[in-house]
Amino acid sequence: MKKLNLKMAATVMICGTFLFSSCIGSFGLHSKLVNWNQSIGTKFVNELVYLAFNIIPVYGVCYLADALVINSIEFWSGSNPMASVGDVKKVKGENGNYLVETLENGYSITKEGETASMELIYNKELNTWNVVADGVSTELLQMNNDGTAQMTLPNGEEMTVTLDAQGVAAARQATMVNCYYALN
């Protein structure tokens, strides 16, 4: 009986390690299933498929696979195994629609109807994000090991920001101020 309790305790602890390791992740598989369901037809067809996929536990199985396997891989490896290279999403912006293609090391962004594009490329060795436009690469952001990032502002100045909501707000404000002065 003691061996059974010990095995049960060990099993619960191992499961708890995986379930409570704070690897929240992006739930890519479940998101792709939901996006597919929302795109197959009218809202009535979508609802019928949704109900069917809950009766036959397709949604539950996808969610469980994401929670236990895929998000754990994403957490420990740092890359999303569900991110499809070549995947193109349409994003609506202030100045029209943009097509964002997932690359192996970043993203390619093209304004809908135009051929010119720019790329956001992640350099793993240098831990930097770079913008490439017209064949010219410019470093935008360097991630530091201390929880900060060094960013280059539009006027060429450099700024260190923390990787939290306050740091993002400060970076947004500094970028907007620099863009305003650059345009005037």
C-alpha atoms as a PDB file:
ATOM      1  CA  MET A   1       0.000   0.000   0.000  1.00  0.00           C
ATOM      2  CA  LYS A   2       2.881   2.389   0.806  1.00  0.00           C
ATOM      3  CA  LYS A   3       4.487   1.684  -2.599  1.00  0.00           C
ATOM      4  CA  LEU A   4       1.198   2.478  -4.317  1.00  0.00           C
ATOM      5  CA  ASN A   5       0.901   5.782  -2.418  1.00  0.00           C
ATOM      6  CA  LEU A   6       4.516   6.629  -3.267  1.00  0.00           C
ATOM      7  CA  LYS A   7       3.914   5.878  -6.965  1.00  0.00           C
ATOM      8  CA  MET A   8       0.713   7.916  -6.906  1.00  0.00           C
ATOM      9  CA  ALA A   9       2.470  10.861  -5.238  1.00  0.00           C
ATOM     10  CA  ALA A  10       5.316  10.692  -7.769  1.00  0.00           C
ATOM     11  CA  THR A  11       2.832  10.564 -10.661  1.00  0.00           C
ATOM     12  CA  VAL A  12       0.892  13.542  -9.321  1.00  0.00           C
ATOM     13  CA  MET A  13       4.114  15.532  -8.846  1.00  0.00           C
ATOM     14  CA  ILE A  14       5.334  14.803 -12.394  1.00  0.00           C
ATOM     15  CA  CYS A  15       1.946  15.713 -13.862  1.00  0.00           C
ATOM     16  CA  GLY A  16       1.889  18.866 -11.758  1.00  0.00           C
ATOM     17  CA  THR A  17       5.322  19.809 -13.068  1.00  0.00           C
ATOM     18  CA  PHE A  18       4.003  19.753 -16.634  1.00  0.00           C
ATOM     19  CA  LEU A  19       0.602  21.246 -15.903  1.00  0.00           C
ATOM     20  CA  PHE A  20       1.765  24.070 -13.628  1.00  0.00           C
ATOM     21  CA  SER A  21       5.062  25.048 -15.260  1.00  0.00           C
ATOM     22  CA  SER A  22       3.621  28.351 -16.513  1.00  0.00           C
ATOM     23  CA  CYS A  23       4.148  27.521 -20.172  1.00  0.00           C
ATOM     24  CA  ILE A  24       0.997  29.265 -21.312  1.00  0.00           C
ATOM     25  CA  GLY A  25       2.021  29.418 -24.960  1.00  0.00           C
ATOM     26  CA  SER A  26      -0.042  30.482 -27.941  1.00  0.00           C
ATOM     27  CA  PHE A  27      -2.382  27.464 -28.296  1.00  0.00           C
ATOM     28  CA  GLY A  28      -1.601  27.383 -32.032  1.00  0.00           C
ATOM     29  CA  LEU A  29      -3.350  24.096 -32.835  1.00  0.00           C
ATOM     30  CA  HIS A  30      -6.575  25.103 -31.082  1.00  0.00           C
ATOM     31  CA  SER A  31      -6.429  28.570 -32.677  1.00  0.00           C
ATOM     32  CA  LYS A  32      -6.010  27.079 -36.159  1.00  0.00           C
ATOM     33  CA  LEU A  33      -9.022  24.817 -35.566  1.00  0.00           C
ATOM     34  CA  VAL A  34     -11.152  27.758 -34.374  1.00  0.00           C
ATOM     35  CA  ASN A  35     -10.034  29.929 -37.334  1.00  0.00           C
ATOM     36  CA  TRP A  36     -10.834  27.119 -39.756  1.00  0.00           C
ATOM     37  CA  ASN A  37     -14.285  26.653 -38.203  1.00  0.00           C
ATOM     38  CA  GLN A  38     -15.015  30.384 -38.458  1.00  0.00           C
ATOM     39  CA  SER A  39     -14.114  30.419 -42.159  1.00  0.00           C
ATOM     40  CA  ILE A  40     -16.106  27.449 -43.496  1.00  0.00           C
ATOM     41  CA  GLY A  41     -19.487  29.093 -44.046  1.00  0.00           C
ATOM     42  CA  THR A  42     -22.313  31.062 -42.536  1.00  0.00           C
ATOM     43  CA  LYS A  43     -22.668  31.532 -38.805  1.00  0.00           C
ATOM     44  CA  PHE A  44     -25.232  28.697 -38.736  1.00  0.00           C
ATOM     45  CA  VAL A  45     -22.857  26.229 -40.422  1.00  0.00           C
ATOM     46  CA  ASN A  46     -20.054  27.368 -38.114  1.00  0.00           C
ATOM     47  CA  GLU A  47     -22.280  26.778 -35.069  1.00  0.00           C
ATOM     48  CA  LEU A  48     -23.256  23.275 -36.256  1.00  0.00           C
ATOM     49  CA  VAL A  49     -19.606  22.347 -36.797  1.00  0.00           C
ATOM     50  CA  TYR A  50     -18.737  23.841 -33.404  1.00  0.00           C
ATOM     51  CA  LEU A  51     -21.423  21.736 -31.698  1.00  0.00           C
ATOM     52  CA  ALA A  52     -20.389  18.594 -33.582  1.00  0.00           C
ATOM     53  CA  PHE A  53     -16.723  19.150 -32.669  1.00  0.00           C
ATOM     54  CA  ASN A  54     -17.709  19.430 -29.018  1.00  0.00           C
ATOM     55  CA  ILE A  55     -19.857  16.282 -29.090  1.00  0.00           C
ATOM     56  CA  ILE A  56     -17.042  14.389 -30.820  1.00  0.00           C
ATOM     57  CA  PRO A  57     -14.357  15.960 -28.604  1.00  0.00           C
ATOM     58  CA  VAL A  58     -12.213  17.468 -31.378  1.00  0.00           C
ATOM     59  CA  TYR A  59     -11.913  20.815 -29.587  1.00  0.00           C
ATOM     60  CA  GLY A  60     -11.095  19.104 -26.299  1.00  0.00           C
ATOM     61  CA  VAL A  61      -8.420  16.887 -27.842  1.00  0.00           C
ATOM     62  CA  CYS A  62      -6.806  19.858 -29.655  1.00  0.00           C
ATOM     63  CA  TYR A  63      -6.857  21.946 -26.491  1.00  0.00           C
ATOM     64  CA  LEU A  64      -5.360  19.102 -24.441  1.00  0.00           C
ATOM     65  CA  ALA A  65      -2.657  18.454 -27.075  1.00  0.00           C
ATOM     66  CA  ASP A  66      -1.803  22.174 -27.012  1.00  0.00           C
ATOM     67  CA  ALA A  67      -1.761  22.371 -23.213  1.00  0.00           C
ATOM     68  CA  LEU A  68       0.314  19.256 -22.602  1.00  0.00           C
ATOM     69  CA  VAL A  69       2.571  18.910 -25.646  1.00  0.00           C
ATOM     70  CA  ILE A  70       2.741  21.772 -28.129  1.00  0.00           C
ATOM     71  CA  ASN A  71       2.858  24.648 -25.616  1.00  0.00           C
ATOM     72  CA  SER A  72       5.491  22.766 -23.593  1.00  0.00           C
ATOM     73  CA  ILE A  73       7.619  22.433 -26.736  1.00  0.00           C
ATOM     74  CA  GLU A  74       7.090  26.143 -27.426  1.00  0.00           C
ATOM     75  CA  PHE A  75       8.050  27.047 -23.853  1.00  0.00           C
ATOM     76  CA  TRP A  76      11.237  24.973 -23.707  1.00  0.00           C
ATOM     77  CA  SER A  77      12.469  25.481 -27.294  1.00  0.00           C
ATOM     78  CA  GLY A  78      11.394  29.105 -27.708  1.00  0.00           C
ATOM     79  CA  SER A  79       9.759  28.433 -31.080  1.00  0.00           C
ATOM     80  CA  ASN A  80       6.175  27.664 -31.940  1.00  0.00           C
ATOM     81  CA  PRO A  81       5.921  24.277 -33.686  1.00  0.00           C
ATOM     82  CA  MET A  82       2.534  25.319 -35.121  1.00  0.00           C
ATOM     83  CA  ALA A  83       3.875  28.460 -36.808  1.00  0.00           C
ATOM     84  CA  SER A  84       3.789  27.615 -40.482  1.00  0.00           C
ATOM     85  CA  VAL A  85       6.521  29.048 -42.640  1.00  0.00           C
ATOM     86  CA  GLY A  86       4.799  30.586 -45.639  1.00  0.00           C
ATOM     87  CA  ASP A  87       1.572  31.258 -43.717  1.00  0.00           C
ATOM     88  CA  VAL A  88       0.068  34.561 -44.919  1.00  0.00           C
ATOM     89  CA  LYS A  89      -2.338  36.642 -42.827  1.00  0.00           C
ATOM     90  CA  LYS A  90      -4.192  39.774 -43.917  1.00  0.00           C
ATOM     91  CA  VAL A  91      -3.949  42.642 -41.419  1.00  0.00           C
ATOM     92  CA  LYS A  92      -6.092  45.763 -41.702  1.00  0.00           C
ATOM     93  CA  GLY A  93      -4.133  48.955 -41.051  1.00  0.00           C
ATOM     94  CA  GLU A  94      -4.884  52.679 -41.105  1.00  0.00           C
ATOM     95  CA  ASN A  95      -3.588  52.976 -44.680  1.00  0.00           C
ATOM     96  CA  GLY A  96      -5.100  49.795 -46.125  1.00  0.00           C
ATOM     97  CA  ASN A  97      -4.581  46.055 -45.859  1.00  0.00           C
ATOM     98  CA  TYR A  98      -1.215  44.389 -45.395  1.00  0.00           C
ATOM     99  CA  LEU A  99      -0.169  40.805 -46.069  1.00  0.00           C
ATOM    100  CA  VAL A 100       2.099  39.350 -43.379  1.00  0.00           C
ATOM    101  CA  GLU A 101       3.953  36.174 -44.359  1.00  0.00           C
ATOM    102  CA  THR A 102       5.655  34.013 -41.743  1.00  0.00           C
ATOM    103  CA  LEU A 103       9.285  33.347 -42.618  1.00  0.00           C
ATOM    104  CA  GLU A 104      11.647  30.904 -40.925  1.00  0.00           C
ATOM    105  CA  ASN A 105      13.347  33.748 -39.048  1.00  0.00           C
ATOM    106  CA  GLY A 106      10.744  36.525 -39.056  1.00  0.00           C
ATOM    107  CA  TYR A 107       8.051  38.130 -41.176  1.00  0.00           C
ATOM    108  CA  SER A 108       7.623  39.689 -44.617  1.00  0.00           C
ATOM    109  CA  ILE A 109       5.132  42.570 -44.811  1.00  0.00           C
ATOM    110  CA  THR A 110       3.628  43.781 -48.094  1.00  0.00           C
ATOM    111  CA  LYS A 111       0.901  46.362 -48.639  1.00  0.00           C
ATOM    112  CA  GLU A 112      -1.947  44.738 -50.526  1.00  0.00           C
ATOM    113  CA  GLY A 113      -1.725  45.559 -54.244  1.00  0.00           C
ATOM    114  CA  GLU A 114       1.941  46.561 -54.121  1.00  0.00           C
ATOM    115  CA  THR A 115       5.087  44.559 -54.869  1.00  0.00           C
ATOM    116  CA  ALA A 116       7.560  46.304 -52.559  1.00  0.00           C
ATOM    117  CA  SER A 117       7.850  44.715 -49.141  1.00  0.00           C
ATOM    118  CA  MET A 118       9.852  44.905 -45.950  1.00  0.00           C
ATOM    119  CA  GLU A 119      11.005  42.117 -43.690  1.00  0.00           C
ATOM    120  CA  LEU A 120      11.371  41.870 -39.934  1.00  0.00           C
ATOM    121  CA  ILE A 121      14.191  39.385 -39.350  1.00  0.00           C
ATOM    122  CA  TYR A 122      15.306  37.856 -36.042  1.00  0.00           C
ATOM    123  CA  ASN A 123      19.049  37.187 -35.747  1.00  0.00           C
ATOM    124  CA  LYS A 124      19.368  34.425 -33.156  1.00  0.00           C
ATOM    125  CA  GLU A 125      23.157  34.747 -32.731  1.00  0.00           C
ATOM    126  CA  LEU A 126      23.008  38.484 -31.959  1.00  0.00           C
ATOM    127  CA  ASN A 127      19.533  38.339 -30.339  1.00  0.00           C
ATOM    128  CA  THR A 128      18.359  41.243 -32.510  1.00  0.00           C
ATOM    129  CA  TRP A 129      15.334  42.168 -34.634  1.00  0.00           C
ATOM    130  CA  ASN A 130      16.218  43.910 -37.891  1.00  0.00           C
ATOM    131  CA  VAL A 131      14.155  45.579 -40.610  1.00  0.00           C
ATOM    132  CA  VAL A 132      15.199  44.911 -44.206  1.00  0.00           C
ATOM    133  CA  ALA A 133      13.850  47.304 -46.847  1.00  0.00           C
ATOM    134  CA  ASP A 134      15.215  47.819 -50.361  1.00  0.00           C
ATOM    135  CA  GLY A 135      18.063  45.419 -49.531  1.00  0.00           C
ATOM    136  CA  VAL A 136      19.271  47.513 -46.584  1.00  0.00           C
ATOM    137  CA  SER A 137      19.196  45.954 -43.110  1.00  0.00           C
ATOM    138  CA  THR A 138      18.781  48.169 -40.039  1.00  0.00           C
ATOM    139  CA  GLU A 139      18.855  46.942 -36.450  1.00  0.00           C
ATOM    140  CA  LEU A 140      15.680  47.856 -34.587  1.00  0.00           C
ATOM    141  CA  LEU A 141      15.987  46.063 -31.284  1.00  0.00           C
ATOM    142  CA  GLN A 142      18.568  44.089 -29.327  1.00  0.00           C
ATOM    143  CA  MET A 143      17.330  41.907 -26.496  1.00  0.00           C
ATOM    144  CA  ASN A 144      19.564  42.008 -23.405  1.00  0.00           C
ATOM    145  CA  ASN A 145      19.955  39.222 -20.853  1.00  0.00           C
ATOM    146  CA  ASP A 146      18.899  41.519 -17.997  1.00  0.00           C
ATOM    147  CA  GLY A 147      15.248  41.852 -19.097  1.00  0.00           C
ATOM    148  CA  THR A 148      15.791  45.025 -21.108  1.00  0.00           C
ATOM    149  CA  ALA A 149      16.080  45.805 -24.793  1.00  0.00           C
ATOM    150  CA  GLN A 150      18.171  48.366 -26.627  1.00  0.00           C
ATOM    151  CA  MET A 151      16.158  49.984 -29.424  1.00  0.00           C
ATOM    152  CA  THR A 152      17.114  52.399 -32.181  1.00  0.00           C
ATOM    153  CA  LEU A 153      14.673  55.307 -32.579  1.00  0.00           C
ATOM    154  CA  PRO A 154      13.748  56.768 -35.997  1.00  0.00           C
ATOM    155  CA  ASN A 155      16.165  59.697 -35.469  1.00  0.00           C
ATOM    156  CA  GLY A 156      19.074  57.295 -34.797  1.00  0.00           C
ATOM    157  CA  GLU A 157      19.132  57.713 -31.004  1.00  0.00           C
ATOM    158  CA  GLU A 158      19.300  54.598 -28.856  1.00  0.00           C
ATOM    159  CA  MET A 159      17.013  53.901 -25.920  1.00  0.00           C
ATOM    160  CA  THR A 160      16.994  51.132 -23.316  1.00  0.00           C
ATOM    161  CA  VAL A 161      13.539  49.884 -22.333  1.00  0.00           C
ATOM    162  CA  THR A 162      12.279  47.249 -19.923  1.00  0.00           C
ATOM    163  CA  LEU A 163      10.351  44.322 -21.345  1.00  0.00           C
ATOM    164  CA  ASP A 164       7.067  45.089 -19.616  1.00  0.00           C
ATOM    165  CA  ALA A 165       4.001  47.282 -20.161  1.00  0.00           C
ATOM    166  CA  GLN A 166       5.768  50.391 -18.848  1.00  0.00           C
ATOM    167  CA  GLY A 167       8.757  49.862 -21.159  1.00  0.00           C
ATOM    168  CA  VAL A 168       6.505  49.300 -24.173  1.00  0.00           C
ATOM    169  CA  ALA A 169       4.566  52.501 -23.359  1.00  0.00           C
ATOM    170  CA  ALA A 170       7.831  54.476 -23.062  1.00  0.00           C
ATOM    171  CA  ALA A 171       9.092  53.052 -26.372  1.00  0.00           C
ATOM    172  CA  ARG A 172       5.795  53.854 -28.102  1.00  0.00           C
ATOM    173  CA  GLN A 173       5.873  57.427 -26.802  1.00  0.00           C
ATOM    174  CA  ALA A 174       9.523  57.966 -27.807  1.00  0.00           C
ATOM    175  CA  THR A 175       8.855  56.523 -31.275  1.00  0.00           C
ATOM    176  CA  MET A 176       5.798  58.729 -31.835  1.00  0.00           C
ATOM    177  CA  VAL A 177       7.629  61.875 -30.656  1.00  0.00           C
ATOM    178  CA  ASN A 178      10.600  61.106 -32.936  1.00  0.00           C
ATOM    179  CA  CYS A 179       8.334  60.394 -35.916  1.00  0.00           C
ATOM    180  CA  TYR A 180       6.463  63.678 -35.289  1.00  0.00           C
ATOM    181  CA  TYR A 181       9.690  65.712 -35.295  1.00  0.00           C
ATOM    182  CA  ALA A 182      11.017  63.816 -38.338  1.00  0.00           C
ATOM    183  CA  LEU A 183       7.882  64.704 -40.332  1.00  0.00           C
ATOM    184  CA  ASN A 184       7.951  68.409 -39.409  1.00  0.00           C
END
